[in-house]
Structures are given as structure tokens and as C-alpha cells.
PDB file of N, CA and C in Angstrom:
ATOM      1  N   UNK A   1      37.236 113.656 135.274  1.00  0.00           N
ATOM      2  CA  UNK A   1      38.071 112.490 135.408  1.00  0.00           C
ATOM      3  C   UNK A   1      37.215 111.309 135.854  1.00  0.00           C
ATOM      4  N   UNK A   2      37.421 110.175 135.267  1.00  0.00           N
ATOM      5  CA  UNK A   2      36.651 108.954 135.589  1.00  0.00           C
ATOM      6  C   UNK A   2      37.070 108.337 136.852  1.00  0.00           C
ATOM      7  N   UNK A   3      36.214 108.178 137.889  1.00  0.00           N
ATOM      8  CA  UNK A   3      36.484 107.616 139.138  1.00  0.00           C
ATOM      9  C   UNK A   3      35.946 106.112 139.164  1.00  0.00           C
ATOM     10  N   UNK A   4      35.355 105.603 138.159  1.00  0.00           N
ATOM     11  CA  UNK A   4      34.814 104.329 138.166  1.00  0.00           C
ATOM     12  C   UNK A   4      35.734 103.103 138.562  1.00  0.00           C
ATOM     13  N   UNK A   5      37.077 103.228 138.012  1.00  0.00           N
ATOM     14  CA  UNK A   5      37.916 102.043 138.399  1.00  0.00           C
ATOM     15  C   UNK A   5      38.150 102.073 139.958  1.00  0.00           C
ATOM     16  N   UNK A   6      37.756 103.050 140.758  1.00  0.00           N
ATOM     17  CA  UNK A   6      37.950 103.002 142.155  1.00  0.00           C
ATOM     18  C   UNK A   6      36.892 102.196 142.860  1.00  0.00           C
ATOM     19  N   UNK A   7      35.903 101.886 142.091  1.00  0.00           N
ATOM     20  CA  UNK A   7      34.728 101.090 142.510  1.00  0.00           C
ATOM     21  C   UNK A   7      33.878 101.764 143.692  1.00  0.00           C
ATOM     22  N   UNK A   8      33.336 100.991 144.567  1.00  0.00           N
ATOM     23  CA  UNK A   8      32.399 101.674 145.587  1.00  0.00           C
ATOM     24  C   UNK A   8      33.084 102.535 146.479  1.00  0.00           C
ATOM     25  N   UNK A   9      34.421 102.418 146.573  1.00  0.00           N
ATOM     26  CA  UNK A   9      35.138 103.237 147.589  1.00  0.00           C
ATOM     27  C   UNK A   9      35.588 104.665 147.035  1.00  0.00           C
ATOM     28  N   UNK A  10      35.067 104.934 145.734  1.00  0.00           N
ATOM     29  CA  UNK A  10      35.439 106.183 145.126  1.00  0.00           C
ATOM     30  C   UNK A  10      35.103 107.339 146.067  1.00  0.00           C
ATOM     31  N   UNK A  11      33.940 107.448 146.672  1.00  0.00           N
ATOM     32  CA  UNK A  11      33.766 108.645 147.553  1.00  0.00           C
ATOM     33  C   UNK A  11      34.696 108.780 148.782  1.00  0.00           C
ATOM     34  N   UNK A  12      35.225 107.698 149.321  1.00  0.00           N
ATOM     35  CA  UNK A  12      36.205 107.639 150.328  1.00  0.00           C
ATOM     36  C   UNK A  12      37.375 108.217 149.810  1.00  0.00           C
ATOM     37  N   UNK A  13      37.824 107.798 148.708  1.00  0.00           N
ATOM     38  CA  UNK A  13      39.065 108.310 148.033  1.00  0.00           C
ATOM     39  C   UNK A  13      38.976 109.878 147.729  1.00  0.00           C
ATOM     40  N   UNK A  14      37.803 110.264 147.418  1.00  0.00           N
ATOM     41  CA  UNK A  14      37.576 111.737 147.208  1.00  0.00           C
ATOM     42  C   UNK A  14      37.884 112.543 148.496  1.00  0.00           C
ATOM     43  N   UNK A  15      37.181 111.806 149.599  1.00  0.00           N
ATOM     44  CA  UNK A  15      37.338 112.521 150.902  1.00  0.00           C
ATOM     45  C   UNK A  15      38.754 112.684 151.306  1.00  0.00           C
ATOM     46  N   UNK A  16      39.516 111.543 151.176  1.00  0.00           N
ATOM     47  CA  UNK A  16      40.947 111.444 151.400  1.00  0.00           C
ATOM     48  C   UNK A  16      41.597 112.577 150.687  1.00  0.00           C
ATOM     49  N   UNK A  17      41.425 112.521 149.356  1.00  0.00           N
ATOM     50  CA  UNK A  17      42.120 113.510 148.576  1.00  0.00           C
ATOM     51  C   UNK A  17      41.847 114.966 148.926  1.00  0.00           C
ATOM     52  N   UNK A  18      40.584 115.270 149.400  1.00  0.00           N
ATOM     53  CA  UNK A  18      40.267 116.531 149.942  1.00  0.00           C
ATOM     54  C   UNK A  18      41.061 116.882 151.090  1.00  0.00           C
ATOM     55  N   UNK A  19      41.170 115.878 152.050  1.00  0.00           N
ATOM     56  CA  UNK A  19      42.093 116.220 153.255  1.00  0.00           C
ATOM     57  C   UNK A  19      43.588 116.523 152.783  1.00  0.00           C
ATOM     58  N   UNK A  20      44.018 115.690 151.942  1.00  0.00           N
ATOM     59  CA  UNK A  20      45.438 116.045 151.589  1.00  0.00           C
ATOM     60  C   UNK A  20      45.641 117.336 150.865  1.00  0.00           C
ATOM     61  N   UNK A  21      44.731 117.681 150.074  1.00  0.00           N
ATOM     62  CA  UNK A  21      44.661 118.995 149.425  1.00  0.00           C
ATOM     63  C   UNK A  21      44.807 120.057 150.522  1.00  0.00           C
ATOM     64  N   UNK A  22      44.118 119.922 151.637  1.00  0.00           N
ATOM     65  CA  UNK A  22      44.277 120.935 152.826  1.00  0.00           C
ATOM     66  C   UNK A  22      45.671 120.876 153.311  1.00  0.00           C
ATOM     67  N   UNK A  23      46.342 119.733 153.328  1.00  0.00           N
ATOM     68  CA  UNK A  23      47.709 119.698 153.908  1.00  0.00           C
ATOM     69  C   UNK A  23      48.720 120.046 152.863  1.00  0.00           C
ATOM     70  N   UNK A  24      48.426 120.385 151.717  1.00  0.00           N
ATOM     71  CA  UNK A  24      49.389 120.590 150.667  1.00  0.00           C
ATOM     72  C   UNK A  24      50.000 121.982 150.634  1.00  0.00           C
ATOM     73  N   UNK A  25      50.228 122.477 151.725  1.00  0.00           N
ATOM     74  CA  UNK A  25      50.923 123.773 151.837  1.00  0.00           C
ATOM     75  C   UNK A  25      51.660 123.878 153.169  1.00  0.00           C
ATOM     76  N   UNK A  26      52.966 124.313 153.283  1.00  0.00           N
ATOM     77  CA  UNK A  26      53.734 124.278 154.484  1.00  0.00           C
ATOM     78  C   UNK A  26      53.176 125.146 155.550  1.00  0.00           C
ATOM     79  N   UNK A  27      52.484 126.353 155.176  1.00  0.00           N
ATOM     80  CA  UNK A  27      51.930 127.122 156.230  1.00  0.00           C
ATOM     81  C   UNK A  27      50.694 126.419 156.800  1.00  0.00           C
ATOM     82  N   UNK A  28      49.844 125.773 156.172  1.00  0.00           N
ATOM     83  CA  UNK A  28      48.618 125.199 156.584  1.00  0.00           C
ATOM     84  C   UNK A  28      49.225 124.007 157.590  1.00  0.00           C
ATOM     85  N   UNK A  29      50.283 123.305 157.174  1.00  0.00           N
ATOM     86  CA  UNK A  29      50.723 122.245 157.978  1.00  0.00           C
ATOM     87  C   UNK A  29      51.093 122.873 159.443  1.00  0.00           C
ATOM     88  N   UNK A  30      51.881 123.912 159.337  1.00  0.00           N
ATOM     89  CA  UNK A  30      52.336 124.479 160.531  1.00  0.00           C
ATOM     90  C   UNK A  30      51.249 125.033 161.322  1.00  0.00           C
ATOM     91  N   UNK A  31      50.112 125.609 160.738  1.00  0.00           N
ATOM     92  CA  UNK A  31      49.025 126.044 161.499  1.00  0.00           C
ATOM     93  C   UNK A  31      48.291 124.950 162.176  1.00  0.00           C
ATOM     94  N   UNK A  32      48.207 123.739 161.471  1.00  0.00           N
ATOM     95  CA  UNK A  32      47.558 122.562 162.132  1.00  0.00           C
ATOM     96  C   UNK A  32      48.464 122.000 163.294  1.00  0.00           C
ATOM     97  N   UNK A  33      49.770 122.070 163.213  1.00  0.00           N
ATOM     98  CA  UNK A  33      50.598 121.749 164.310  1.00  0.00           C
ATOM     99  C   UNK A  33      50.362 122.566 165.507  1.00  0.00           C
ATOM    100  N   UNK A  34      50.308 123.868 165.282  1.00  0.00           N
ATOM    101  CA  UNK A  34      50.064 124.870 166.292  1.00  0.00           C
ATOM    102  C   UNK A  34      48.686 124.600 167.027  1.00  0.00           C
ATOM    103  N   UNK A  35      47.664 124.387 166.061  1.00  0.00           N
ATOM    104  CA  UNK A  35      46.244 124.136 166.633  1.00  0.00           C
ATOM    105  C   UNK A  35      46.298 122.931 167.564  1.00  0.00           C
ATOM    106  N   UNK A  36      46.992 121.831 166.936  1.00  0.00           N
ATOM    107  CA  UNK A  36      46.977 120.521 167.781  1.00  0.00           C
ATOM    108  C   UNK A  36      47.621 120.843 169.104  1.00  0.00           C
ATOM    109  N   UNK A  37      48.694 121.493 169.139  1.00  0.00           N
ATOM    110  CA  UNK A  37      49.366 121.936 170.468  1.00  0.00           C
ATOM    111  C   UNK A  37      48.628 122.791 171.351  1.00  0.00           C
ATOM    112  N   UNK A  38      47.695 123.562 170.814  1.00  0.00           N
ATOM    113  CA  UNK A  38      46.953 124.515 171.555  1.00  0.00           C
ATOM    114  C   UNK A  38      45.775 123.734 172.378  1.00  0.00           C
ATOM    115  N   UNK A  39      45.571 122.472 172.063  1.00  0.00           N
ATOM    116  CA  UNK A  39      44.545 121.786 172.650  1.00  0.00           C
ATOM    117  C   UNK A  39      43.118 122.273 172.476  1.00  0.00           C
ATOM    118  N   UNK A  40      42.253 121.961 173.531  1.00  0.00           N
ATOM    119  CA  UNK A  40      40.856 122.202 173.374  1.00  0.00           C
ATOM    120  C   UNK A  40      40.563 123.723 173.263  1.00  0.00           C
ATOM    121  N   UNK A  41      41.402 124.564 173.774  1.00  0.00           N
ATOM    122  CA  UNK A  41      41.207 126.033 173.810  1.00  0.00           C
ATOM    123  C   UNK A  41      41.210 126.581 172.344  1.00  0.00           C
ATOM    124  N   UNK A  42      41.959 125.865 171.508  1.00  0.00           N
ATOM    125  CA  UNK A  42      42.188 126.449 170.163  1.00  0.00           C
ATOM    126  C   UNK A  42      43.021 127.636 170.141  1.00  0.00           C
ATOM    127  N   UNK A  43      42.911 128.421 169.152  1.00  0.00           N
ATOM    128  CA  UNK A  43      43.736 129.646 169.066  1.00  0.00           C
ATOM    129  C   UNK A  43      43.084 130.707 168.129  1.00  0.00           C
ATOM    130  N   UNK A  44      43.349 132.037 168.599  1.00  0.00           N
ATOM    131  CA  UNK A  44      42.871 133.060 167.688  1.00  0.00           C
ATOM    132  C   UNK A  44      43.914 133.408 166.505  1.00  0.00           C
ATOM    133  N   UNK A  45      43.442 134.088 165.689  1.00  0.00           N
ATOM    134  CA  UNK A  45      44.505 134.499 164.511  1.00  0.00           C
ATOM    135  C   UNK A  45      45.614 135.179 165.130  1.00  0.00           C
ATOM    136  N   UNK A  46      45.489 136.126 166.148  1.00  0.00           N
ATOM    137  CA  UNK A  46      46.498 136.846 166.707  1.00  0.00           C
ATOM    138  C   UNK A  46      47.477 135.886 167.518  1.00  0.00           C
ATOM    139  N   UNK A  47      47.045 134.919 168.173  1.00  0.00           N
ATOM    140  CA  UNK A  47      47.747 133.970 168.916  1.00  0.00           C
ATOM    141  C   UNK A  47      48.526 133.027 167.853  1.00  0.00           C
ATOM    142  N   UNK A  48      47.908 132.694 166.733  1.00  0.00           N
ATOM    143  CA  UNK A  48      48.609 132.005 165.629  1.00  0.00           C
ATOM    144  C   UNK A  48      49.716 132.794 165.019  1.00  0.00           C
ATOM    145  N   UNK A  49      49.454 134.187 164.778  1.00  0.00           N
ATOM    146  CA  UNK A  49      50.530 134.980 164.175  1.00  0.00           C
ATOM    147  C   UNK A  49      51.688 135.149 165.196  1.00  0.00           C
ATOM    148  N   UNK A  50      51.391 135.162 166.490  1.00  0.00           N
ATOM    149  CA  UNK A  50      52.609 135.280 167.453  1.00  0.00           C
ATOM    150  C   UNK A  50      53.374 134.024 167.412  1.00  0.00           C
ATOM    151  N   UNK A  51      52.744 132.964 167.470  1.00  0.00           N
ATOM    152  CA  UNK A  51      53.344 131.598 167.432  1.00  0.00           C
ATOM    153  C   UNK A  51      54.156 131.292 166.208  1.00  0.00           C
ATOM    154  N   UNK A  52      53.597 131.711 165.044  1.00  0.00           N
ATOM    155  CA  UNK A  52      54.160 131.311 163.807  1.00  0.00           C
ATOM    156  C   UNK A  52      55.042 132.425 163.098  1.00  0.00           C
ATOM    157  N   UNK A  53      54.826 133.603 163.508  1.00  0.00           N
ATOM    158  CA  UNK A  53      55.462 134.846 162.806  1.00  0.00           C
ATOM    159  C   UNK A  53      54.938 135.122 161.489  1.00  0.00           C
ATOM    160  N   UNK A  54      53.856 134.415 161.178  1.00  0.00           N
ATOM    161  CA  UNK A  54      53.202 134.798 159.879  1.00  0.00           C
ATOM    162  C   UNK A  54      52.207 135.912 159.970  1.00  0.00           C
ATOM    163  N   UNK A  55      52.066 136.638 158.827  1.00  0.00           N
ATOM    164  CA  UNK A  55      51.152 137.875 158.874  1.00  0.00           C
ATOM    165  C   UNK A  55      49.663 137.300 159.111  1.00  0.00           C
ATOM    166  N   UNK A  56      48.874 138.092 159.843  1.00  0.00           N
ATOM    167  CA  UNK A  56      47.647 137.651 160.191  1.00  0.00           C
ATOM    168  C   UNK A  56      46.712 137.496 159.011  1.00  0.00           C
ATOM    169  N   UNK A  57      46.812 138.373 157.927  1.00  0.00           N
ATOM    170  CA  UNK A  57      46.054 138.251 156.814  1.00  0.00           C
ATOM    171  C   UNK A  57      46.339 137.057 155.916  1.00  0.00           C
ATOM    172  N   UNK A  58      47.648 136.673 155.754  1.00  0.00           N
ATOM    173  CA  UNK A  58      47.821 135.400 155.162  1.00  0.00           C
ATOM    174  C   UNK A  58      47.433 134.195 156.003  1.00  0.00           C
ATOM    175  N   UNK A  59      47.497 134.187 157.330  1.00  0.00           N
ATOM    176  CA  UNK A  59      46.952 133.172 158.188  1.00  0.00           C
ATOM    177  C   UNK A  59      45.362 133.149 158.002  1.00  0.00           C
ATOM    178  N   UNK A  60      44.755 134.145 157.899  1.00  0.00           N
ATOM    179  CA  UNK A  60      43.298 134.076 157.627  1.00  0.00           C
ATOM    180  C   UNK A  60      43.056 133.400 156.388  1.00  0.00           C
ATOM    181  N   UNK A  61      43.826 133.701 155.301  1.00  0.00           N
ATOM    182  CA  UNK A  61      43.610 133.070 154.091  1.00  0.00           C
ATOM    183  C   UNK A  61      43.770 131.513 154.181  1.00  0.00           C
ATOM    184  N   UNK A  62      44.806 131.029 154.883  1.00  0.00           N
ATOM    185  CA  UNK A  62      45.136 129.666 154.895  1.00  0.00           C
ATOM    186  C   UNK A  62      44.185 128.943 155.895  1.00  0.00           C
ATOM    187  N   UNK A  63      43.751 129.693 156.947  1.00  0.00           N
ATOM    188  CA  UNK A  63      42.697 129.081 157.796  1.00  0.00           C
ATOM    189  C   UNK A  63      41.284 128.930 156.928  1.00  0.00           C
ATOM    190  N   UNK A  64      41.028 129.730 156.102  1.00  0.00           N
ATOM    191  CA  UNK A  64      39.929 129.654 155.243  1.00  0.00           C
ATOM    192  C   UNK A  64      39.990 128.400 154.344  1.00  0.00           C
ATOM    193  N   UNK A  65      41.144 128.059 153.783  1.00  0.00           N
ATOM    194  CA  UNK A  65      41.301 126.927 152.987  1.00  0.00           C
ATOM    195  C   UNK A  65      41.112 125.655 153.962  1.00  0.00           C
ATOM    196  N   UNK A  66      41.764 125.673 155.145  1.00  0.00           N
ATOM    197  CA  UNK A  66      41.609 124.555 156.043  1.00  0.00           C
ATOM    198  C   UNK A  66      40.167 124.276 156.490  1.00  0.00           C
ATOM    199  N   UNK A  67      39.435 125.364 156.638  1.00  0.00           N
ATOM    200  CA  UNK A  67      37.995 125.262 156.997  1.00  0.00           C
ATOM    201  C   UNK A  67      37.087 124.707 155.869  1.00  0.00           C
ATOM    202  N   UNK A  68      37.452 125.152 154.574  1.00  0.00           N
ATOM    203  CA  UNK A  68      36.759 124.675 153.413  1.00  0.00           C
ATOM    204  C   UNK A  68      37.042 123.161 153.275  1.00  0.00           C
ATOM    205  N   UNK A  69      38.198 122.812 153.640  1.00  0.00           N
ATOM    206  CA  UNK A  69      38.483 121.345 153.415  1.00  0.00           C
ATOM    207  C   UNK A  69      38.097 120.436 154.710  1.00  0.00           C
ATOM    208  N   UNK A  70      37.576 121.132 155.746  1.00  0.00           N
ATOM    209  CA  UNK A  70      37.009 120.428 156.872  1.00  0.00           C
ATOM    210  C   UNK A  70      38.140 119.998 157.816  1.00  0.00           C
ATOM    211  N   UNK A  71      39.260 120.595 157.764  1.00  0.00           N
ATOM    212  CA  UNK A  71      40.400 120.295 158.680  1.00  0.00           C
ATOM    213  C   UNK A  71      40.346 121.215 159.857  1.00  0.00           C
ATOM    214  N   UNK A  72      39.663 122.238 159.928  1.00  0.00           N
ATOM    215  CA  UNK A  72      39.738 123.239 161.036  1.00  0.00           C
ATOM    216  C   UNK A  72      38.170 123.702 161.217  1.00  0.00           C
ATOM    217  N   UNK A  73      37.850 123.993 162.505  1.00  0.00           N
ATOM    218  CA  UNK A  73      36.548 124.624 162.713  1.00  0.00           C
ATOM    219  C   UNK A  73      36.892 125.954 163.338  1.00  0.00           C
ATOM    220  N   UNK A  74      35.887 126.825 163.385  1.00  0.00           N
ATOM    221  CA  UNK A  74      35.937 128.106 164.025  1.00  0.00           C
ATOM    222  C   UNK A  74      34.756 128.300 164.946  1.00  0.00           C
ATOM    223  N   UNK A  75      34.970 128.951 166.017  1.00  0.00           N
ATOM    224  CA  UNK A  75      33.875 129.146 167.029  1.00  0.00           C
ATOM    225  C   UNK A  75      34.156 130.643 167.508  1.00  0.00           C
ATOM    226  N   UNK A  76      32.956 131.349 167.726  1.00  0.00           N
ATOM    227  CA  UNK A  76      33.120 132.673 168.356  1.00  0.00           C
ATOM    228  C   UNK A  76      33.229 132.463 169.806  1.00  0.00           C
ATOM    229  N   UNK A  77      34.065 133.267 170.427  1.00  0.00           N
ATOM    230  CA  UNK A  77      34.206 133.222 171.877  1.00  0.00           C
ATOM    231  C   UNK A  77      34.214 134.673 172.288  1.00  0.00           C
ATOM    232  N   UNK A  78      33.085 135.248 172.802  1.00  0.00           N
ATOM    233  CA  UNK A  78      33.116 136.714 172.980  1.00  0.00           C
ATOM    234  C   UNK A  78      33.400 137.472 171.788  1.00  0.00           C
ATOM    235  N   UNK A  79      34.379 138.414 171.654  1.00  0.00           N
ATOM    236  CA  UNK A  79      34.752 139.262 170.578  1.00  0.00           C
ATOM    237  C   UNK A  79      35.633 138.663 169.593  1.00  0.00           C
ATOM    238  N   UNK A  80      36.127 137.462 169.967  1.00  0.00           N
ATOM    239  CA  UNK A  80      37.257 136.682 169.077  1.00  0.00           C
ATOM    240  C   UNK A  80      36.628 135.509 168.496  1.00  0.00           C
ATOM    241  N   UNK A  81      37.303 135.074 167.324  1.00  0.00           N
ATOM    242  CA  UNK A  81      37.019 133.737 166.778  1.00  0.00           C
ATOM    243  C   UNK A  81      38.261 132.951 167.160  1.00  0.00           C
ATOM    244  N   UNK A  82      37.930 131.706 167.673  1.00  0.00           N
ATOM    245  CA  UNK A  82      38.893 130.633 167.984  1.00  0.00           C
ATOM    246  C   UNK A  82      38.819 129.502 167.065  1.00  0.00           C
ATOM    247  N   UNK A  83      40.127 129.058 166.594  1.00  0.00           N
ATOM    248  CA  UNK A  83      40.170 127.949 165.583  1.00  0.00           C
ATOM    249  C   UNK A  83      40.731 126.705 166.283  1.00  0.00           C
ATOM    250  N   UNK A  84      40.214 125.652 165.840  1.00  0.00           N
ATOM    251  CA  UNK A  84      40.486 124.348 166.376  1.00  0.00           C
ATOM    252  C   UNK A  84      40.709 123.349 165.215  1.00  0.00           C
ATOM    253  N   UNK A  85      41.438 122.278 165.462  1.00  0.00           N
ATOM    254  CA  UNK A  85      41.411 121.125 164.509  1.00  0.00           C
ATOM    255  C   UNK A  85      40.113 120.562 164.497  1.00  0.00           C
ATOM    256  N   UNK A  86      39.625 120.168 163.382  1.00  0.00           N
ATOM    257  CA  UNK A  86      38.304 119.568 163.283  1.00  0.00           C
ATOM    258  C   UNK A  86      38.161 118.089 163.989  1.00  0.00           C
ATOM    259  N   UNK A  87      39.285 117.512 164.002  1.00  0.00           N
ATOM    260  CA  UNK A  87      39.143 116.189 164.569  1.00  0.00           C
ATOM    261  C   UNK A  87      40.618 115.776 165.198  1.00  0.00           C
ATOM    262  N   UNK A  88      40.558 115.072 166.378  1.00  0.00           N
ATOM    263  CA  UNK A  88      41.899 114.958 167.141  1.00  0.00           C
ATOM    264  C   UNK A  88      42.715 114.094 166.397  1.00  0.00           C
ATOM    265  N   UNK A  89      42.347 113.229 165.319  1.00  0.00           N
ATOM    266  CA  UNK A  89      43.280 112.455 164.626  1.00  0.00           C
ATOM    267  C   UNK A  89      44.136 113.193 163.697  1.00  0.00           C
ATOM    268  N   UNK A  90      43.724 114.417 163.472  1.00  0.00           N
ATOM    269  CA  UNK A  90      44.652 115.239 162.617  1.00  0.00           C
ATOM    270  C   UNK A  90      46.167 115.305 163.164  1.00  0.00           C
ATOM    271  N   UNK A  91      46.095 115.552 164.480  1.00  0.00           N
ATOM    272  CA  UNK A  91      47.423 115.434 165.083  1.00  0.00           C
ATOM    273  C   UNK A  91      48.185 114.214 164.997  1.00  0.00           C
ATOM    274  N   UNK A  92      47.501 113.075 164.915  1.00  0.00           N
ATOM    275  CA  UNK A  92      48.123 111.674 164.740  1.00  0.00           C
ATOM    276  C   UNK A  92      48.558 111.638 163.368  1.00  0.00           C
ATOM    277  N   UNK A  93      47.775 112.153 162.388  1.00  0.00           N
ATOM    278  CA  UNK A  93      48.237 112.126 160.903  1.00  0.00           C
ATOM    279  C   UNK A  93      49.448 112.951 160.715  1.00  0.00           C
ATOM    280  N   UNK A  94      49.521 114.084 161.379  1.00  0.00           N
ATOM    281  CA  UNK A  94      50.721 114.949 161.278  1.00  0.00           C
ATOM    282  C   UNK A  94      52.012 114.267 161.868  1.00  0.00           C
ATOM    283  N   UNK A  95      51.804 113.519 162.966  1.00  0.00           N
ATOM    284  CA  UNK A  95      52.863 112.842 163.728  1.00  0.00           C
ATOM    285  C   UNK A  95      53.355 111.631 162.834  1.00  0.00           C
ATOM    286  N   UNK A  96      52.428 111.022 162.128  1.00  0.00           N
ATOM    287  CA  UNK A  96      52.789 109.847 161.149  1.00  0.00           C
ATOM    288  C   UNK A  96      53.572 110.326 160.087  1.00  0.00           C
ATOM    289  N   UNK A  97      53.147 111.620 159.546  1.00  0.00           N
ATOM    290  CA  UNK A  97      53.867 112.145 158.446  1.00  0.00           C
ATOM    291  C   UNK A  97      55.370 112.504 158.771  1.00  0.00           C
ATOM    292  N   UNK A  98      55.437 113.041 160.062  1.00  0.00           N
ATOM    293  CA  UNK A  98      56.725 113.453 160.589  1.00  0.00           C
ATOM    294  C   UNK A  98      57.652 112.143 160.809  1.00  0.00           C
ATOM    295  N   UNK A  99      57.113 111.214 161.259  1.00  0.00           N
ATOM    296  CA  UNK A  99      57.820 109.869 161.525  1.00  0.00           C
ATOM    297  C   UNK A  99      58.143 109.337 160.162  1.00  0.00           C
ATOM    298  N   UNK A 100      57.299 109.346 159.229  1.00  0.00           N
ATOM    299  CA  UNK A 100      57.553 108.862 157.835  1.00  0.00           C
ATOM    300  C   UNK A 100      58.798 109.517 157.185  1.00  0.00           C
ATOM    301  N   UNK A 101      58.748 110.935 157.368  1.00  0.00           N
ATOM    302  CA  UNK A 101      59.814 111.622 156.726  1.00  0.00           C
ATOM    303  C   UNK A 101      61.169 111.298 157.535  1.00  0.00           C
ATOM    304  N   UNK A 102      61.173 111.234 158.897  1.00  0.00           N
ATOM    305  CA  UNK A 102      62.357 110.851 159.645  1.00  0.00           C
ATOM    306  C   UNK A 102      62.768 109.544 159.193  1.00  0.00           C
ATOM    307  N   UNK A 103      61.857 108.527 159.151  1.00  0.00           N
ATOM    308  CA  UNK A 103      62.290 107.087 158.601  1.00  0.00           C
ATOM    309  C   UNK A 103      62.915 107.158 157.210  1.00  0.00           C
ATOM    310  N   UNK A 104      62.297 107.830 156.285  1.00  0.00           N
ATOM    311  CA  UNK A 104      62.648 107.711 154.973  1.00  0.00           C
ATOM    312  C   UNK A 104      63.814 108.663 154.548  1.00  0.00           C
ATOM    313  N   UNK A 105      64.025 109.642 155.374  1.00  0.00           N
ATOM    314  CA  UNK A 105      65.191 110.663 154.991  1.00  0.00           C
ATOM    315  C   UNK A 105      66.302 110.577 156.088  1.00  0.00           C
ATOM    316  N   UNK A 106      65.956 110.142 157.317  1.00  0.00           N
ATOM    317  CA  UNK A 106      66.951 110.014 158.283  1.00  0.00           C
ATOM    318  C   UNK A 106      66.988 111.339 158.930  1.00  0.00           C
ATOM    319  N   UNK A 107      66.064 112.198 158.612  1.00  0.00           N
ATOM    320  CA  UNK A 107      66.112 113.625 159.149  1.00  0.00           C
ATOM    321  C   UNK A 107      64.695 114.051 159.438  1.00  0.00           C
ATOM    322  N   UNK A 108      64.468 114.980 160.416  1.00  0.00           N
ATOM    323  CA  UNK A 108      63.183 115.556 160.643  1.00  0.00           C
ATOM    324  C   UNK A 108      63.193 116.964 160.853  1.00  0.00           C
ATOM    325  N   UNK A 109      64.357 117.428 160.900  1.00  0.00           N
ATOM    326  CA  UNK A 109      64.619 118.933 161.262  1.00  0.00           C
ATOM    327  C   UNK A 109      64.442 119.700 159.795  1.00  0.00           C
ATOM    328  N   UNK A 110      63.737 120.780 159.946  1.00  0.00           N
ATOM    329  CA  UNK A 110      63.399 121.541 158.635  1.00  0.00           C
ATOM    330  C   UNK A 110      64.673 122.094 157.966  1.00  0.00           C
ATOM    331  N   UNK A 111      65.743 122.300 158.687  1.00  0.00           N
ATOM    332  CA  UNK A 111      66.960 122.818 158.076  1.00  0.00           C
ATOM    333  C   UNK A 111      67.755 121.753 157.487  1.00  0.00           C
ATOM    334  N   UNK A 112      67.465 120.567 157.566  1.00  0.00           N
ATOM    335  CA  UNK A 112      68.304 119.387 157.075  1.00  0.00           C
ATOM    336  C   UNK A 112      68.032 119.012 155.684  1.00  0.00           C
ATOM    337  N   UNK A 113      67.101 119.869 154.965  1.00  0.00           N
ATOM    338  CA  UNK A 113      66.861 119.618 153.582  1.00  0.00           C
ATOM    339  C   UNK A 113      66.610 118.136 153.199  1.00  0.00           C
ATOM    340  N   UNK A 114      65.614 117.442 153.609  1.00  0.00           N
ATOM    341  CA  UNK A 114      65.378 116.161 153.387  1.00  0.00           C
ATOM    342  C   UNK A 114      65.260 115.812 151.781  1.00  0.00           C
ATOM    343  N   UNK A 115      65.741 114.639 151.477  1.00  0.00           N
ATOM    344  CA  UNK A 115      65.614 114.195 150.220  1.00  0.00           C
ATOM    345  C   UNK A 115      64.833 112.894 150.206  1.00  0.00           C
ATOM    346  N   UNK A 116      63.725 112.748 149.679  1.00  0.00           N
ATOM    347  CA  UNK A 116      63.106 111.482 149.619  1.00  0.00           C
ATOM    348  C   UNK A 116      63.568 110.430 148.676  1.00  0.00           C
ATOM    349  N   UNK A 117      63.835 109.344 149.316  1.00  0.00           N
ATOM    350  CA  UNK A 117      64.315 108.242 148.531  1.00  0.00           C
ATOM    351  C   UNK A 117      63.299 107.621 147.801  1.00  0.00           C
ATOM    352  N   UNK A 118      63.500 107.022 146.745  1.00  0.00           N
ATOM    353  CA  UNK A 118      62.550 106.333 146.015  1.00  0.00           C
ATOM    354  C   UNK A 118      62.096 105.163 146.679  1.00  0.00           C
ATOM    355  N   UNK A 119      60.770 104.899 146.775  1.00  0.00           N
ATOM    356  CA  UNK A 119      60.200 103.763 147.495  1.00  0.00           C
ATOM    357  C   UNK A 119      59.916 102.752 146.415  1.00  0.00           C
ATOM    358  N   UNK A 120      60.400 101.518 146.577  1.00  0.00           N
ATOM    359  CA  UNK A 120      60.157 100.409 145.619  1.00  0.00           C
ATOM    360  C   UNK A 120      58.642 100.169 145.615  1.00  0.00           C
ATOM    361  N   UNK A 121      58.184  99.817 144.264  1.00  0.00           N
ATOM    362  CA  UNK A 121      56.787  99.434 144.171  1.00  0.00           C
ATOM    363  C   UNK A 121      56.646  98.046 144.715  1.00  0.00           C
ATOM    364  N   UNK A 122      55.485  97.670 145.348  1.00  0.00           N
ATOM    365  CA  UNK A 122      55.314  96.411 145.922  1.00  0.00           C
ATOM    366  C   UNK A 122      55.377  95.261 144.926  1.00  0.00           C
ATOM    367  N   UNK A 123      55.155  95.423 143.694  1.00  0.00           N
ATOM    368  CA  UNK A 123      55.251  94.426 142.636  1.00  0.00           C
ATOM    369  C   UNK A 123      56.622  94.104 142.139  1.00  0.00           C
ATOM    370  N   UNK A 124      57.595  94.917 142.570  1.00  0.00           N
ATOM    371  CA  UNK A 124      58.979  94.643 142.076  1.00  0.00           C
ATOM    372  C   UNK A 124      59.930  93.938 143.117  1.00  0.00           C
TER     373      UNK A 124
END
């Protein structure tokens, strides 16, 4: 793909796209929310499994994707590995996404089956 039309900011757009790839799965978004809520202590896979009710193996796979995209870090603490969000602004990004969905759909609850309305293009 040709990124030349993006000009000198092309690397920045690539970094942003990489972050959004990390967010492009509901389980990964939920994991990030739990990690943000866990604060500086972070969480182990077992703690994440208890909090989310997801299988530990599936969580490990999703955490691997988040780590690869730079959204999550891992650190050894004794015999366990603790996961943290890589940057505190990730929590802000998730909050903005939730507010956007609430504003554009009038709903923020997962069972409300939101439907995004079309957003007019600024040139129209």
C-alpha cells in the first residue's frame, strides 16, 4: 500500500493504526478495561479469567496480541506474570470510545444492541 499521500505524518498514522488493530476485538477491549480498573498492580491471567469469565488459554492469546501491539506490558512478580496497560491514556481512549458510542447511539449498555448512525462528512 502506498502511504506517500499521508506525507511526513505517515509513520504516526501507522502507529495509530497499530493501536486500533489491538482494539479490534471485543475480548481485548474488555481485557484493557479490566487492566485499567486494576490500577498499578495490574492482574494475572487467573485474575483476569475470574473477572471476565473467559478461558485462561484464550486470554493468553489475546494478551499476546495486546503485547505485540504495545497496548499491554507484562512483568514477572515472584512466580506469576502480571499484566498492565502500557500507558495510562489507554483508559482515557476507552472512556472516549464509550462516550462516543453513548452519544451516537443513545446507549452504552452492551445488551442495548447499538446501531451507529451515519455521520455526515464535513464537506457536505
